[in-house]
Amino acid sequence: MEIKDDKLASPLIYSTELARSVSLGKPSKLTLADGSTAPLSSARVEYKEKKSGDRNPRTRSRTLDRTLIVAGVIYGLVNVRTDGEKILCAVMNEKDHSWQVKTITSRF
């Protein structure tokens, strides 16, 4: 099927609120419900770990001093454009509002 009089010069595909990555934190202090503190090396946490492609999560545990926590999700705008010959992909850095741009030659 041929499309005549196609005025679209630079198609745009974009998606917002993609979780591009996460920011990680390291626990520094453990305060118990009674207000007392405890060394991180004495506190164990049990968690379920499910890796990509796994059907069943594994139960694991570790001490808090050897654990990273997800402190936040980093969202970002992903911008993809093509002129039929090149594909341009751009991702905005939320911290400094700069763009990271990659250009790929189309194979089609």
PDB file of N, CA and C in Angstrom:
ATOM      1  N   MET A   1       0.852  -1.173   0.000  1.00  0.00           N
ATOM      2  CA  MET A   1       0.000   0.000   0.000  1.00  0.00           C
ATOM      3  C   MET A   1       0.896   1.234   0.000  1.00  0.00           C
ATOM      4  N   GLU A   2       0.683   2.122  -0.931  1.00  0.00           N
ATOM      5  CA  GLU A   2       1.491   3.338  -1.040  1.00  0.00           C
ATOM      6  C   GLU A   2       0.713   4.521  -0.477  1.00  0.00           C
ATOM      7  N   ILE A   3       1.399   5.318   0.334  1.00  0.00           N
ATOM      8  CA  ILE A   3       0.768   6.510   0.907  1.00  0.00           C
ATOM      9  C   ILE A   3       1.298   7.713   0.148  1.00  0.00           C
ATOM     10  N   LYS A   4       0.413   8.465  -0.457  1.00  0.00           N
ATOM     11  CA  LYS A   4       0.802   9.649  -1.213  1.00  0.00           C
ATOM     12  C   LYS A   4       0.583  10.893  -0.369  1.00  0.00           C
ATOM     13  N   ASP A   5       1.365  11.907  -0.656  1.00  0.00           N
ATOM     14  CA  ASP A   5       1.250  13.202   0.027  1.00  0.00           C
ATOM     15  C   ASP A   5       1.465  13.095   1.535  1.00  0.00           C
ATOM     16  N   ASP A   6       2.393  12.233   1.947  1.00  0.00           N
ATOM     17  CA  ASP A   6       2.707  12.099   3.365  1.00  0.00           C
ATOM     18  C   ASP A   6       3.511  13.320   3.791  1.00  0.00           C
ATOM     19  N   LYS A   7       2.971  14.146   4.653  1.00  0.00           N
ATOM     20  CA  LYS A   7       3.607  15.391   5.080  1.00  0.00           C
ATOM     21  C   LYS A   7       4.493  15.213   6.309  1.00  0.00           C
ATOM     22  N   LEU A   8       4.497  14.026   6.894  1.00  0.00           N
ATOM     23  CA  LEU A   8       5.256  13.785   8.113  1.00  0.00           C
ATOM     24  C   LEU A   8       6.744  13.684   7.777  1.00  0.00           C
ATOM     25  N   ALA A   9       7.510  14.706   8.152  1.00  0.00           N
ATOM     26  CA  ALA A   9       8.930  14.759   7.803  1.00  0.00           C
ATOM     27  C   ALA A   9       9.803  14.123   8.870  1.00  0.00           C
ATOM     28  N   SER A  10       9.434  14.237  10.119  1.00  0.00           N
ATOM     29  CA  SER A  10      10.255  13.717  11.209  1.00  0.00           C
ATOM     30  C   SER A  10       9.360  13.056  12.254  1.00  0.00           C
ATOM     31  N   PRO A  11       9.036  11.764  12.057  1.00  0.00           N
ATOM     32  CA  PRO A  11       8.151  11.090  13.012  1.00  0.00           C
ATOM     33  C   PRO A  11       8.725  11.134  14.419  1.00  0.00           C
ATOM     34  N   LEU A  12       7.867  11.209  15.393  1.00  0.00           N
ATOM     35  CA  LEU A  12       8.288  11.294  16.788  1.00  0.00           C
ATOM     36  C   LEU A  12       7.606  10.204  17.590  1.00  0.00           C
ATOM     37  N   ILE A  13       8.422   9.467  18.343  1.00  0.00           N
ATOM     38  CA  ILE A  13       7.914   8.501  19.312  1.00  0.00           C
ATOM     39  C   ILE A  13       8.477   8.957  20.644  1.00  0.00           C
ATOM     40  N   TYR A  14       7.645   9.184  21.628  1.00  0.00           N
ATOM     41  CA  TYR A  14       8.189   9.570  22.919  1.00  0.00           C
ATOM     42  C   TYR A  14       7.389   8.925  24.040  1.00  0.00           C
ATOM     43  N   SER A  15       8.033   8.779  25.153  1.00  0.00           N
ATOM     44  CA  SER A  15       7.384   8.227  26.324  1.00  0.00           C
ATOM     45  C   SER A  15       7.926   8.943  27.549  1.00  0.00           C
ATOM     46  N   THR A  16       7.043   9.353  28.413  1.00  0.00           N
ATOM     47  CA  THR A  16       7.486  10.010  29.641  1.00  0.00           C
ATOM     48  C   THR A  16       7.259   9.075  30.813  1.00  0.00           C
ATOM     49  N   GLU A  17       7.846   9.421  31.917  1.00  0.00           N
ATOM     50  CA  GLU A  17       7.722   8.673  33.163  1.00  0.00           C
ATOM     51  C   GLU A  17       8.248   7.250  33.049  1.00  0.00           C
ATOM     52  N   LEU A  18       9.262   7.053  32.220  1.00  0.00           N
ATOM     53  CA  LEU A  18       9.949   5.774  32.195  1.00  0.00           C
ATOM     54  C   LEU A  18      10.929   5.736  33.360  1.00  0.00           C
ATOM     55  N   ALA A  19      10.957   4.650  34.075  1.00  0.00           N
ATOM     56  CA  ALA A  19      11.946   4.499  35.130  1.00  0.00           C
ATOM     57  C   ALA A  19      13.258   4.106  34.463  1.00  0.00           C
ATOM     58  N   ARG A  20      14.120   5.093  34.237  1.00  0.00           N
ATOM     59  CA  ARG A  20      15.391   4.847  33.561  1.00  0.00           C
ATOM     60  C   ARG A  20      16.366   4.142  34.460  1.00  0.00           C
ATOM     61  N   SER A  21      16.368   4.512  35.712  1.00  0.00           N
ATOM     62  CA  SER A  21      17.321   3.954  36.651  1.00  0.00           C
ATOM     63  C   SER A  21      16.847   4.265  38.061  1.00  0.00           C
ATOM     64  N   VAL A  22      17.646   3.867  39.027  1.00  0.00           N
ATOM     65  CA  VAL A  22      17.324   4.133  40.417  1.00  0.00           C
ATOM     66  C   VAL A  22      18.518   4.796  41.082  1.00  0.00           C
ATOM     67  N   SER A  23      18.246   5.573  42.121  1.00  0.00           N
ATOM     68  CA  SER A  23      19.345   6.098  42.925  1.00  0.00           C
ATOM     69  C   SER A  23      19.474   5.178  44.146  1.00  0.00           C
ATOM     70  N   LEU A  24      20.718   4.851  44.480  1.00  0.00           N
ATOM     71  CA  LEU A  24      20.977   3.918  45.570  1.00  0.00           C
ATOM     72  C   LEU A  24      21.494   4.647  46.796  1.00  0.00           C
ATOM     73  N   GLY A  25      21.150   4.132  47.950  1.00  0.00           N
ATOM     74  CA  GLY A  25      21.650   4.675  49.201  1.00  0.00           C
ATOM     75  C   GLY A  25      22.235   3.554  50.048  1.00  0.00           C
ATOM     76  N   LYS A  26      23.033   3.921  51.013  1.00  0.00           N
ATOM     77  CA  LYS A  26      23.627   2.950  51.935  1.00  0.00           C
ATOM     78  C   LYS A  26      23.154   3.302  53.344  1.00  0.00           C
ATOM     79  N   PRO A  27      22.560   2.340  54.061  1.00  0.00           N
ATOM     80  CA  PRO A  27      22.105   2.631  55.417  1.00  0.00           C
ATOM     81  C   PRO A  27      23.256   3.138  56.280  1.00  0.00           C
ATOM     82  N   SER A  28      22.964   4.124  57.142  1.00  0.00           N
ATOM     83  CA  SER A  28      24.009   4.680  57.998  1.00  0.00           C
ATOM     84  C   SER A  28      23.665   4.587  59.481  1.00  0.00           C
ATOM     85  N   LYS A  29      22.382   4.357  59.792  1.00  0.00           N
ATOM     86  CA  LYS A  29      21.990   4.289  61.201  1.00  0.00           C
ATOM     87  C   LYS A  29      20.695   3.491  61.309  1.00  0.00           C
ATOM     88  N   LEU A  30      20.604   2.672  62.336  1.00  0.00           N
ATOM     89  CA  LEU A  30      19.395   1.895  62.599  1.00  0.00           C
ATOM     90  C   LEU A  30      18.811   2.346  63.929  1.00  0.00           C
ATOM     91  N   THR A  31      17.599   2.892  63.889  1.00  0.00           N
ATOM     92  CA  THR A  31      16.908   3.313  65.102  1.00  0.00           C
ATOM     93  C   THR A  31      15.726   2.378  65.318  1.00  0.00           C
ATOM     94  N   LEU A  32      15.673   1.762  66.469  1.00  0.00           N
ATOM     95  CA  LEU A  32      14.603   0.816  66.791  1.00  0.00           C
ATOM     96  C   LEU A  32      13.364   1.559  67.277  1.00  0.00           C
ATOM     97  N   ALA A  33      12.256   0.851  67.372  1.00  0.00           N
ATOM     98  CA  ALA A  33      10.984   1.460  67.768  1.00  0.00           C
ATOM     99  C   ALA A  33      11.044   2.130  69.135  1.00  0.00           C
ATOM    100  N   ASP A  34      11.881   1.631  70.031  1.00  0.00           N
ATOM    101  CA  ASP A  34      11.977   2.223  71.371  1.00  0.00           C
ATOM    102  C   ASP A  34      12.922   3.420  71.419  1.00  0.00           C
ATOM    103  N   GLY A  35      13.473   3.818  70.270  1.00  0.00           N
ATOM    104  CA  GLY A  35      14.359   4.973  70.202  1.00  0.00           C
ATOM    105  C   GLY A  35      15.832   4.639  70.345  1.00  0.00           C
ATOM    106  N   SER A  36      16.147   3.413  70.709  1.00  0.00           N
ATOM    107  CA  SER A  36      17.551   3.020  70.822  1.00  0.00           C
ATOM    108  C   SER A  36      18.132   2.745  69.433  1.00  0.00           C
ATOM    109  N   THR A  37      19.441   2.744  69.381  1.00  0.00           N
ATOM    110  CA  THR A  37      20.104   2.451  68.108  1.00  0.00           C
ATOM    111  C   THR A  37      20.841   1.125  68.221  1.00  0.00           C
ATOM    112  N   ALA A  38      21.124   0.530  67.079  1.00  0.00           N
ATOM    113  CA  ALA A  38      21.840  -0.748  67.045  1.00  0.00           C
ATOM    114  C   ALA A  38      22.823  -0.703  65.883  1.00  0.00           C
ATOM    115  N   PRO A  39      23.927  -1.426  66.010  1.00  0.00           N
ATOM    116  CA  PRO A  39      24.879  -1.457  64.898  1.00  0.00           C
ATOM    117  C   PRO A  39      24.252  -2.123  63.669  1.00  0.00           C
ATOM    118  N   LEU A  40      24.539  -1.587  62.514  1.00  0.00           N
ATOM    119  CA  LEU A  40      23.984  -2.139  61.276  1.00  0.00           C
ATOM    120  C   LEU A  40      24.427  -3.578  61.058  1.00  0.00           C
ATOM    121  N   SER A  41      25.608  -3.925  61.543  1.00  0.00           N
ATOM    122  CA  SER A  41      26.114  -5.285  61.347  1.00  0.00           C
ATOM    123  C   SER A  41      25.340  -6.318  62.162  1.00  0.00           C
ATOM    124  N   SER A  42      24.574  -5.890  63.158  1.00  0.00           N
ATOM    125  CA  SER A  42      23.817  -6.836  63.982  1.00  0.00           C
ATOM    126  C   SER A  42      22.376  -7.008  63.508  1.00  0.00           C
ATOM    127  N   ALA A  43      21.947  -6.201  62.538  1.00  0.00           N
ATOM    128  CA  ALA A  43      20.561  -6.275  62.049  1.00  0.00           C
ATOM    129  C   ALA A  43      20.532  -6.991  60.702  1.00  0.00           C
ATOM    130  N   ARG A  44      19.747  -8.045  60.628  1.00  0.00           N
ATOM    131  CA  ARG A  44      19.601  -8.789  59.372  1.00  0.00           C
ATOM    132  C   ARG A  44      18.240  -8.481  58.765  1.00  0.00           C
ATOM    133  N   VAL A  45      18.203  -8.429  57.476  1.00  0.00           N
ATOM    134  CA  VAL A  45      16.957  -8.230  56.751  1.00  0.00           C
ATOM    135  C   VAL A  45      16.779  -9.413  55.797  1.00  0.00           C
ATOM    136  N   GLU A  46      15.552  -9.933  55.749  1.00  0.00           N
ATOM    137  CA  GLU A  46      15.230 -11.026  54.830  1.00  0.00           C
ATOM    138  C   GLU A  46      14.407 -10.438  53.698  1.00  0.00           C
ATOM    139  N   TYR A  47      14.688 -10.871  52.480  1.00  0.00           N
ATOM    140  CA  TYR A  47      13.982 -10.326  51.325  1.00  0.00           C
ATOM    141  C   TYR A  47      13.807 -11.383  50.248  1.00  0.00           C
ATOM    142  N   LYS A  48      12.874 -11.135  49.360  1.00  0.00           N
ATOM    143  CA  LYS A  48      12.641 -12.001  48.206  1.00  0.00           C
ATOM    144  C   LYS A  48      13.323 -11.359  47.013  1.00  0.00           C
ATOM    145  N   GLU A  49      14.142 -12.127  46.314  1.00  0.00           N
ATOM    146  CA  GLU A  49      14.853 -11.618  45.135  1.00  0.00           C
ATOM    147  C   GLU A  49      14.334 -12.351  43.908  1.00  0.00           C
ATOM    148  N   LYS A  50      13.871 -11.576  42.941  1.00  0.00           N
ATOM    149  CA  LYS A  50      13.387 -12.151  41.693  1.00  0.00           C
ATOM    150  C   LYS A  50      14.150 -11.495  40.564  1.00  0.00           C
ATOM    151  N   LYS A  51      15.002 -12.268  39.911  1.00  0.00           N
ATOM    152  CA  LYS A  51      15.781 -11.745  38.800  1.00  0.00           C
ATOM    153  C   LYS A  51      14.978 -11.868  37.514  1.00  0.00           C
ATOM    154  N   SER A  52      15.377 -11.096  36.520  1.00  0.00           N
ATOM    155  CA  SER A  52      14.700 -11.109  35.231  1.00  0.00           C
ATOM    156  C   SER A  52      14.627 -12.527  34.682  1.00  0.00           C
ATOM    157  N   GLY A  53      13.444 -12.947  34.307  1.00  0.00           N
ATOM    158  CA  GLY A  53      13.242 -14.278  33.740  1.00  0.00           C
ATOM    159  C   GLY A  53      12.926 -15.351  34.768  1.00  0.00           C
ATOM    160  N   ASP A  54      13.139 -15.070  36.053  1.00  0.00           N
ATOM    161  CA  ASP A  54      12.831 -16.051  37.099  1.00  0.00           C
ATOM    162  C   ASP A  54      11.323 -16.189  37.258  1.00  0.00           C
ATOM    163  N   ARG A  55      10.885 -17.398  37.558  1.00  0.00           N
ATOM    164  CA  ARG A  55       9.471 -17.613  37.859  1.00  0.00           C
ATOM    165  C   ARG A  55       9.195 -17.507  39.350  1.00  0.00           C
ATOM    166  N   ASN A  56      10.156 -17.929  40.141  1.00  0.00           N
ATOM    167  CA  ASN A  56       9.972 -17.927  41.588  1.00  0.00           C
ATOM    168  C   ASN A  56      11.078 -17.122  42.251  1.00  0.00           C
ATOM    169  N   PRO A  57      10.706 -16.220  43.156  1.00  0.00           N
ATOM    170  CA  PRO A  57      11.744 -15.453  43.862  1.00  0.00           C
ATOM    171  C   PRO A  57      12.498 -16.327  44.862  1.00  0.00           C
ATOM    172  N   ARG A  58      13.761 -15.973  45.090  1.00  0.00           N
ATOM    173  CA  ARG A  58      14.576 -16.650  46.102  1.00  0.00           C
ATOM    174  C   ARG A  58      14.505 -15.853  47.394  1.00  0.00           C
ATOM    175  N   THR A  59      14.465 -16.554  48.517  1.00  0.00           N
ATOM    176  CA  THR A  59      14.536 -15.887  49.812  1.00  0.00           C
ATOM    177  C   THR A  59      16.001 -15.737  50.172  1.00  0.00           C
ATOM    178  N   ARG A  60      16.395 -14.511  50.493  1.00  0.00           N
ATOM    179  CA  ARG A  60      17.779 -14.232  50.861  1.00  0.00           C
ATOM    180  C   ARG A  60      17.781 -13.356  52.102  1.00  0.00           C
ATOM    181  N   SER A  61      18.943 -13.251  52.731  1.00  0.00           N
ATOM    182  CA  SER A  61      19.076 -12.336  53.860  1.00  0.00           C
ATOM    183  C   SER A  61      20.506 -11.829  53.911  1.00  0.00           C
ATOM    184  N   ARG A  62      20.666 -10.678  54.546  1.00  0.00           N
ATOM    185  CA  ARG A  62      21.993 -10.093  54.744  1.00  0.00           C
ATOM    186  C   ARG A  62      21.907  -9.053  55.837  1.00  0.00           C
ATOM    187  N   THR A  63      23.064  -8.658  56.343  1.00  0.00           N
ATOM    188  CA  THR A  63      23.073  -7.628  57.370  1.00  0.00           C
ATOM    189  C   THR A  63      22.917  -6.262  56.711  1.00  0.00           C
ATOM    190  N   LEU A  64      22.386  -5.316  57.458  1.00  0.00           N
ATOM    191  CA  LEU A  64      22.127  -3.987  56.897  1.00  0.00           C
ATOM    192  C   LEU A  64      23.393  -3.246  56.492  1.00  0.00           C
ATOM    193  N   ASP A  65      24.522  -3.534  57.144  1.00  0.00           N
ATOM    194  CA  ASP A  65      25.753  -2.834  56.769  1.00  0.00           C
ATOM    195  C   ASP A  65      26.277  -3.284  55.399  1.00  0.00           C
ATOM    196  N   ARG A  66      25.752  -4.372  54.861  1.00  0.00           N
ATOM    197  CA  ARG A  66      26.172  -4.866  53.545  1.00  0.00           C
ATOM    198  C   ARG A  66      25.029  -4.774  52.522  1.00  0.00           C
ATOM    199  N   THR A  67      24.108  -3.845  52.755  1.00  0.00           N
ATOM    200  CA  THR A  67      22.911  -3.729  51.935  1.00  0.00           C
ATOM    201  C   THR A  67      22.793  -2.330  51.352  1.00  0.00           C
ATOM    202  N   LEU A  68      22.387  -2.259  50.099  1.00  0.00           N
ATOM    203  CA  LEU A  68      22.035  -0.978  49.482  1.00  0.00           C
ATOM    204  C   LEU A  68      20.521  -0.878  49.449  1.00  0.00           C
ATOM    205  N   ILE A  69      20.018   0.326  49.516  1.00  0.00           N
ATOM    206  CA  ILE A  69      18.577   0.533  49.416  1.00  0.00           C
ATOM    207  C   ILE A  69      18.286   1.385  48.186  1.00  0.00           C
ATOM    208  N   VAL A  70      17.112   1.195  47.611  1.00  0.00           N
ATOM    209  CA  VAL A  70      16.682   2.055  46.516  1.00  0.00           C
ATOM    210  C   VAL A  70      16.139   3.319  47.152  1.00  0.00           C
ATOM    211  N   ALA A  71      16.852   4.424  46.947  1.00  0.00           N
ATOM    212  CA  ALA A  71      16.472   5.694  47.568  1.00  0.00           C
ATOM    213  C   ALA A  71      15.476   6.463  46.703  1.00  0.00           C
ATOM    214  N   GLY A  72      15.394   6.127  45.440  1.00  0.00           N
ATOM    215  CA  GLY A  72      14.451   6.807  44.557  1.00  0.00           C
ATOM    216  C   GLY A  72      14.528   6.272  43.140  1.00  0.00           C
ATOM    217  N   VAL A  73      13.488   6.517  42.389  1.00  0.00           N
ATOM    218  CA  VAL A  73      13.429   6.130  40.988  1.00  0.00           C
ATOM    219  C   VAL A  73      13.689   7.375  40.152  1.00  0.00           C
ATOM    220  N   ILE A  74      14.537   7.249  39.139  1.00  0.00           N
ATOM    221  CA  ILE A  74      14.849   8.381  38.274  1.00  0.00           C
ATOM    222  C   ILE A  74      14.048   8.215  36.989  1.00  0.00           C
ATOM    223  N   TYR A  75      13.157   9.167  36.758  1.00  0.00           N
ATOM    224  CA  TYR A  75      12.336   9.146  35.561  1.00  0.00           C
ATOM    225  C   TYR A  75      12.979  10.027  34.499  1.00  0.00           C
ATOM    226  N   GLY A  76      12.545   9.877  33.270  1.00  0.00           N
ATOM    227  CA  GLY A  76      13.097  10.744  32.258  1.00  0.00           C
ATOM    228  C   GLY A  76      12.358  10.653  30.949  1.00  0.00           C
ATOM    229  N   LEU A  77      12.521  11.698  30.173  1.00  0.00           N
ATOM    230  CA  LEU A  77      11.920  11.764  28.862  1.00  0.00           C
ATOM    231  C   LEU A  77      12.837  11.068  27.870  1.00  0.00           C
ATOM    232  N   VAL A  78      12.283  10.163  27.096  1.00  0.00           N
ATOM    233  CA  VAL A  78      13.019   9.499  26.030  1.00  0.00           C
ATOM    234  C   VAL A  78      12.419   9.992  24.721  1.00  0.00           C
ATOM    235  N   ASN A  79      13.253  10.504  23.847  1.00  0.00           N
ATOM    236  CA  ASN A  79      12.810  11.116  22.602  1.00  0.00           C
ATOM    237  C   ASN A  79      13.466  10.358  21.447  1.00  0.00           C
ATOM    238  N   VAL A  80      12.658   9.806  20.545  1.00  0.00           N
ATOM    239  CA  VAL A  80      13.170   9.057  19.402  1.00  0.00           C
ATOM    240  C   VAL A  80      12.589   9.669  18.140  1.00  0.00           C
ATOM    241  N   ARG A  81      13.473  10.015  17.190  1.00  0.00           N
ATOM    242  CA  ARG A  81      13.030  10.572  15.908  1.00  0.00           C
ATOM    243  C   ARG A  81      13.768   9.895  14.769  1.00  0.00           C
ATOM    244  N   THR A  82      13.152   9.881  13.605  1.00  0.00           N
ATOM    245  CA  THR A  82      13.824   9.345  12.428  1.00  0.00           C
ATOM    246  C   THR A  82      13.390  10.119  11.188  1.00  0.00           C
ATOM    247  N   ASP A  83      14.328  10.223  10.240  1.00  0.00           N
ATOM    248  CA  ASP A  83      13.985  10.785   8.931  1.00  0.00           C
ATOM    249  C   ASP A  83      13.948   9.667   7.896  1.00  0.00           C
ATOM    250  N   GLY A  84      14.010   8.420   8.353  1.00  0.00           N
ATOM    251  CA  GLY A  84      14.009   7.273   7.472  1.00  0.00           C
ATOM    252  C   GLY A  84      15.414   6.768   7.183  1.00  0.00           C
ATOM    253  N   GLU A  85      16.406   7.607   7.404  1.00  0.00           N
ATOM    254  CA  GLU A  85      17.794   7.204   7.165  1.00  0.00           C
ATOM    255  C   GLU A  85      18.581   7.127   8.462  1.00  0.00           C
ATOM    256  N   LYS A  86      18.310   8.025   9.383  1.00  0.00           N
ATOM    257  CA  LYS A  86      18.974   8.016  10.681  1.00  0.00           C
ATOM    258  C   LYS A  86      17.932   7.997  11.781  1.00  0.00           C
ATOM    259  N   ILE A  87      18.305   7.371  12.905  1.00  0.00           N
ATOM    260  CA  ILE A  87      17.442   7.331  14.079  1.00  0.00           C
ATOM    261  C   ILE A  87      18.165   8.100  15.176  1.00  0.00           C
ATOM    262  N   LEU A  88      17.503   9.078  15.752  1.00  0.00           N
ATOM    263  CA  LEU A  88      18.081   9.880  16.818  1.00  0.00           C
ATOM    264  C   LEU A  88      17.360   9.524  18.116  1.00  0.00           C
ATOM    265  N   CYS A  89      18.120   9.154  19.135  1.00  0.00           N
ATOM    266  CA  CYS A  89      17.565   8.841  20.459  1.00  0.00           C
ATOM    267  C   CYS A  89      18.163   9.822  21.451  1.00  0.00           C
ATOM    268  N   ALA A  90      17.329  10.480  22.223  1.00  0.00           N
ATOM    269  CA  ALA A  90      17.810  11.454  23.201  1.00  0.00           C
ATOM    270  C   ALA A  90      17.143  11.193  24.548  1.00  0.00           C
ATOM    271  N   VAL A  91      17.929  11.282  25.619  1.00  0.00           N
ATOM    272  CA  VAL A  91      17.439  11.098  26.977  1.00  0.00           C
ATOM    273  C   VAL A  91      17.860  12.314  27.785  1.00  0.00           C
ATOM    274  N   MET A  92      16.907  12.885  28.526  1.00  0.00           N
ATOM    275  CA  MET A  92      17.217  14.069  29.322  1.00  0.00           C
ATOM    276  C   MET A  92      17.797  13.673  30.673  1.00  0.00           C
ATOM    277  N   ASN A  93      18.893  14.333  31.068  1.00  0.00           N
ATOM    278  CA  ASN A  93      19.470  14.190  32.397  1.00  0.00           C
ATOM    279  C   ASN A  93      18.655  15.090  33.318  1.00  0.00           C
ATOM    280  N   GLU A  94      17.943  14.484  34.257  1.00  0.00           N
ATOM    281  CA  GLU A  94      17.052  15.249  35.135  1.00  0.00           C
ATOM    282  C   GLU A  94      17.805  16.187  36.076  1.00  0.00           C
ATOM    283  N   LYS A  95      19.056  15.881  36.375  1.00  0.00           N
ATOM    284  CA  LYS A  95      19.808  16.693  37.325  1.00  0.00           C
ATOM    285  C   LYS A  95      20.213  18.038  36.729  1.00  0.00           C
ATOM    286  N   ASP A  96      20.793  18.016  35.513  1.00  0.00           N
ATOM    287  CA  ASP A  96      21.267  19.276  34.926  1.00  0.00           C
ATOM    288  C   ASP A  96      20.509  19.679  33.662  1.00  0.00           C
ATOM    289  N   HIS A  97      19.464  18.936  33.323  1.00  0.00           N
ATOM    290  CA  HIS A  97      18.597  19.216  32.168  1.00  0.00           C
ATOM    291  C   HIS A  97      19.350  19.218  30.836  1.00  0.00           C
ATOM    292  N   SER A  98      20.460  18.496  30.781  1.00  0.00           N
ATOM    293  CA  SER A  98      21.169  18.341  29.506  1.00  0.00           C
ATOM    294  C   SER A  98      20.624  17.104  28.796  1.00  0.00           C
ATOM    295  N   TRP A  99      20.945  16.968  27.527  1.00  0.00           N
ATOM    296  CA  TRP A  99      20.489  15.836  26.737  1.00  0.00           C
ATOM    297  C   TRP A  99      21.658  14.942  26.374  1.00  0.00           C
ATOM    298  N   GLN A 100      21.467  13.638  26.484  1.00  0.00           N
ATOM    299  CA  GLN A 100      22.423  12.662  25.998  1.00  0.00           C
ATOM    300  C   GLN A 100      21.827  12.139  24.694  1.00  0.00           C
ATOM    301  N   VAL A 101      22.554  12.329  23.593  1.00  0.00           N
ATOM    302  CA  VAL A 101      22.019  12.044  22.269  1.00  0.00           C
ATOM    303  C   VAL A 101      22.856  10.963  21.581  1.00  0.00           C
ATOM    304  N   LYS A 102      22.179  10.003  20.955  1.00  0.00           N
ATOM    305  CA  LYS A 102      22.817   8.963  20.144  1.00  0.00           C
ATOM    306  C   LYS A 102      22.161   8.984  18.774  1.00  0.00           C
ATOM    307  N   THR A 103      22.965   8.882  17.734  1.00  0.00           N
ATOM    308  CA  THR A 103      22.448   8.796  16.373  1.00  0.00           C
ATOM    309  C   THR A 103      22.846   7.449  15.788  1.00  0.00           C
ATOM    310  N   ILE A 104      21.885   6.755  15.210  1.00  0.00           N
ATOM    311  CA  ILE A 104      22.101   5.423  14.642  1.00  0.00           C
ATOM    312  C   ILE A 104      21.664   5.467  13.181  1.00  0.00           C
ATOM    313  N   THR A 105      22.470   4.881  12.308  1.00  0.00           N
ATOM    314  CA  THR A 105      22.075   4.786  10.899  1.00  0.00           C
ATOM    315  C   THR A 105      21.049   3.682  10.756  1.00  0.00           C
ATOM    316  N   SER A 106      19.940   3.983  10.095  1.00  0.00           N
ATOM    317  CA  SER A 106      18.871   3.016   9.909  1.00  0.00           C
ATOM    318  C   SER A 106      19.305   1.925   8.940  1.00  0.00           C
ATOM    319  N   ARG A 107      18.889   0.697   9.195  1.00  0.00           N
ATOM    320  CA  ARG A 107      19.204  -0.425   8.298  1.00  0.00           C
ATOM    321  C   ARG A 107      18.033  -0.745   7.399  1.00  0.00           C
ATOM    322  N   PHE A 108      16.962  -0.018   7.472  1.00  0.00           N
ATOM    323  CA  PHE A 108      15.756  -0.363   6.709  1.00  0.00           C
ATOM    324  C   PHE A 108      15.537   0.578   5.561  1.00  0.00           C
TER     325      PHE A 108
END
